[in-house]
Amino acid sequence: MTAKKTKKRHDATASKLTLAPYQVILRPLVTEKGVHRATRCNAYSFEVNRMAGKQVIREAVEELFDVKVVRVNTQNRKGKPRRTKFRWGRTKAWKKAIVTLDPEDRIDFF
């Protein structure tokens, strides 16, 4: 008999760590592209905790802003190489979430 090997995924749902909503959503991304998405598509961008999954992000946005979330898309952003004087370094990697809301709901950052 042969044993079947399975590959384990590493995400927040597999661990027993639970994050509070204010720990999941780190900050809103208020950029020109983000404001355009918010006005046209009712989609808002946030920097989120790297361990948070889509369902955790959905629950955090619904609880913090009292809105109904339709869809959550995430991106893992790589850190960029940066140079200061004679040394090379990297900025930190981070996770971005684009949250689409129900047409009746809005979030006001300004």
C-alpha atoms as a PDB file:
ATOM      1  CA  MET A   1       0.000   0.000   0.000  1.00  0.00           C
ATOM      2  CA  THR A   2       1.135   3.479  -0.762  1.00  0.00           C
ATOM      3  CA  ALA A   3       0.350   6.447   1.388  1.00  0.00           C
ATOM      4  CA  LYS A   4      -1.106   9.457  -0.358  1.00  0.00           C
ATOM      5  CA  LYS A   5       0.679  12.697   0.492  1.00  0.00           C
ATOM      6  CA  THR A   6      -1.394  15.830   0.724  1.00  0.00           C
ATOM      7  CA  LYS A   7      -0.103  19.341   0.658  1.00  0.00           C
ATOM      8  CA  LYS A   8      -1.271  21.546   3.515  1.00  0.00           C
ATOM      9  CA  ARG A   9      -2.248  25.138   2.808  1.00  0.00           C
ATOM     10  CA  HIS A  10      -1.092  27.809   5.207  1.00  0.00           C
ATOM     11  CA  ASP A  11      -3.779  30.407   5.828  1.00  0.00           C
ATOM     12  CA  ALA A  12      -5.582  32.012   8.732  1.00  0.00           C
ATOM     13  CA  THR A  13      -8.505  29.597   8.558  1.00  0.00           C
ATOM     14  CA  ALA A  14      -6.196  26.632   9.203  1.00  0.00           C
ATOM     15  CA  SER A  15      -4.681  28.183  12.335  1.00  0.00           C
ATOM     16  CA  LYS A  16      -6.517  28.695  15.593  1.00  0.00           C
ATOM     17  CA  LEU A  17      -5.576  32.366  15.684  1.00  0.00           C
ATOM     18  CA  THR A  18      -8.547  34.703  15.536  1.00  0.00           C
ATOM     19  CA  LEU A  19      -8.131  38.373  14.711  1.00  0.00           C
ATOM     20  CA  ALA A  20     -10.349  41.208  15.878  1.00  0.00           C
ATOM     21  CA  PRO A  21     -11.879  43.348  13.088  1.00  0.00           C
ATOM     22  CA  TYR A  22      -9.599  46.290  13.870  1.00  0.00           C
ATOM     23  CA  GLN A  23      -6.593  43.921  13.548  1.00  0.00           C
ATOM     24  CA  VAL A  24      -7.738  42.678  10.121  1.00  0.00           C
ATOM     25  CA  ILE A  25      -8.273  46.070   8.447  1.00  0.00           C
ATOM     26  CA  LEU A  26      -5.018  48.010   8.877  1.00  0.00           C
ATOM     27  CA  ARG A  27      -5.837  51.134   6.843  1.00  0.00           C
ATOM     28  CA  PRO A  28      -7.886  52.268   3.856  1.00  0.00           C
ATOM     29  CA  LEU A  29      -5.975  52.937   0.642  1.00  0.00           C
ATOM     30  CA  VAL A  30      -7.085  56.387  -0.487  1.00  0.00           C
ATOM     31  CA  THR A  31      -5.478  56.728  -3.920  1.00  0.00           C
ATOM     32  CA  GLU A  32      -6.611  58.241  -7.190  1.00  0.00           C
ATOM     33  CA  LYS A  33      -7.413  54.806  -8.586  1.00  0.00           C
ATOM     34  CA  GLY A  34      -9.169  53.798  -5.367  1.00  0.00           C
ATOM     35  CA  VAL A  35     -11.375  56.906  -5.330  1.00  0.00           C
ATOM     36  CA  HIS A  36     -12.299  56.236  -8.963  1.00  0.00           C
ATOM     37  CA  ARG A  37     -13.271  52.638  -8.072  1.00  0.00           C
ATOM     38  CA  ALA A  38     -15.286  53.849  -5.095  1.00  0.00           C
ATOM     39  CA  THR A  39     -17.332  56.332  -7.131  1.00  0.00           C
ATOM     40  CA  ARG A  40     -17.871  54.160 -10.221  1.00  0.00           C
ATOM     41  CA  CYS A  41     -17.937  50.558  -8.942  1.00  0.00           C
ATOM     42  CA  ASN A  42     -18.647  51.002  -5.209  1.00  0.00           C
ATOM     43  CA  ALA A  43     -15.394  49.096  -4.484  1.00  0.00           C
ATOM     44  CA  TYR A  44     -13.021  50.153  -1.702  1.00  0.00           C
ATOM     45  CA  SER A  45      -9.364  49.201  -1.159  1.00  0.00           C
ATOM     46  CA  PHE A  46      -7.794  48.350   2.194  1.00  0.00           C
ATOM     47  CA  GLU A  47      -4.428  47.211   3.455  1.00  0.00           C
ATOM     48  CA  VAL A  48      -5.197  44.097   5.470  1.00  0.00           C
ATOM     49  CA  ASN A  49      -3.386  41.665   7.727  1.00  0.00           C
ATOM     50  CA  ARG A  50      -1.418  39.108   5.694  1.00  0.00           C
ATOM     51  CA  MET A  51      -2.937  36.207   7.657  1.00  0.00           C
ATOM     52  CA  ALA A  52      -6.556  37.236   6.982  1.00  0.00           C
ATOM     53  CA  GLY A  53      -8.607  35.299   4.440  1.00  0.00           C
ATOM     54  CA  LYS A  54     -11.464  36.598   2.306  1.00  0.00           C
ATOM     55  CA  GLN A  55     -14.209  35.517   4.709  1.00  0.00           C
ATOM     56  CA  VAL A  56     -12.448  37.150   7.671  1.00  0.00           C
ATOM     57  CA  ILE A  57     -12.014  40.379   5.675  1.00  0.00           C
ATOM     58  CA  ARG A  58     -15.714  40.329   4.706  1.00  0.00           C
ATOM     59  CA  GLU A  59     -16.826  39.967   8.326  1.00  0.00           C
ATOM     60  CA  ALA A  60     -14.440  42.705   9.526  1.00  0.00           C
ATOM     61  CA  VAL A  61     -15.634  45.267   6.942  1.00  0.00           C
ATOM     62  CA  GLU A  62     -19.298  44.469   7.622  1.00  0.00           C
ATOM     63  CA  GLU A  63     -18.790  44.889  11.374  1.00  0.00           C
ATOM     64  CA  LEU A  64     -16.588  48.016  11.321  1.00  0.00           C
ATOM     65  CA  PHE A  65     -18.476  50.024   8.672  1.00  0.00           C
ATOM     66  CA  ASP A  66     -21.994  48.529   9.040  1.00  0.00           C
ATOM     67  CA  VAL A  67     -22.339  47.718   5.297  1.00  0.00           C
ATOM     68  CA  LYS A  68     -23.186  44.640   3.207  1.00  0.00           C
ATOM     69  CA  VAL A  69     -20.237  43.193   1.262  1.00  0.00           C
ATOM     70  CA  VAL A  70     -20.908  41.590  -2.127  1.00  0.00           C
ATOM     71  CA  ARG A  71     -17.386  40.465  -3.108  1.00  0.00           C
ATOM     72  CA  VAL A  72     -13.817  40.466  -1.770  1.00  0.00           C
ATOM     73  CA  ASN A  73     -10.736  40.278  -4.002  1.00  0.00           C
ATOM     74  CA  THR A  74      -7.241  40.054  -2.510  1.00  0.00           C
ATOM     75  CA  GLN A  75      -3.720  40.664  -3.780  1.00  0.00           C
ATOM     76  CA  ASN A  76      -0.412  39.774  -2.156  1.00  0.00           C
ATOM     77  CA  ARG A  77       1.920  42.662  -2.952  1.00  0.00           C
ATOM     78  CA  LYS A  78       5.666  41.993  -2.986  1.00  0.00           C
ATOM     79  CA  GLY A  79       8.120  44.356  -1.336  1.00  0.00           C
ATOM     80  CA  LYS A  80      10.175  46.575  -3.644  1.00  0.00           C
ATOM     81  CA  PRO A  81      13.965  46.872  -3.564  1.00  0.00           C
ATOM     82  CA  ARG A  82      15.064  50.245  -2.205  1.00  0.00           C
ATOM     83  CA  ARG A  83      18.457  51.857  -1.731  1.00  0.00           C
ATOM     84  CA  THR A  84      19.566  54.266   0.967  1.00  0.00           C
ATOM     85  CA  LYS A  85      23.092  55.650   0.550  1.00  0.00           C
ATOM     86  CA  PHE A  86      25.264  52.539   0.157  1.00  0.00           C
ATOM     87  CA  ARG A  87      22.901  49.817   1.327  1.00  0.00           C
ATOM     88  CA  TRP A  88      20.189  47.891  -0.450  1.00  0.00           C
ATOM     89  CA  GLY A  89      17.042  46.799   1.327  1.00  0.00           C
ATOM     90  CA  ARG A  90      13.447  45.857   0.654  1.00  0.00           C
ATOM     91  CA  THR A  91      10.127  47.306   1.689  1.00  0.00           C
ATOM     92  CA  LYS A  92       7.796  44.901   3.451  1.00  0.00           C
ATOM     93  CA  ALA A  93       5.368  42.692   1.563  1.00  0.00           C
ATOM     94  CA  TRP A  94       1.687  43.445   2.252  1.00  0.00           C
ATOM     95  CA  LYS A  95      -1.813  42.304   1.385  1.00  0.00           C
ATOM     96  CA  LYS A  96      -4.419  44.403  -0.401  1.00  0.00           C
ATOM     97  CA  ALA A  97      -8.161  43.753  -0.360  1.00  0.00           C
ATOM     98  CA  ILE A  98     -10.640  45.260  -2.819  1.00  0.00           C
ATOM     99  CA  VAL A  99     -14.096  45.067  -1.251  1.00  0.00           C
ATOM    100  CA  THR A 100     -17.189  45.544  -3.419  1.00  0.00           C
ATOM    101  CA  LEU A 101     -20.253  46.735  -1.516  1.00  0.00           C
ATOM    102  CA  ASP A 102     -23.984  46.444  -2.078  1.00  0.00           C
ATOM    103  CA  PRO A 103     -25.296  49.298  -4.300  1.00  0.00           C
ATOM    104  CA  GLU A 104     -27.222  50.871  -1.369  1.00  0.00           C
ATOM    105  CA  ASP A 105     -24.151  51.068   0.903  1.00  0.00           C
ATOM    106  CA  ARG A 106     -21.305  53.624   0.924  1.00  0.00           C
ATOM    107  CA  ILE A 107     -18.199  54.268   3.031  1.00  0.00           C
ATOM    108  CA  ASP A 108     -17.110  57.883   3.549  1.00  0.00           C
ATOM    109  CA  PHE A 109     -13.391  58.327   4.272  1.00  0.00           C
ATOM    110  CA  PHE A 110     -13.330  62.113   3.800  1.00  0.00           C
END
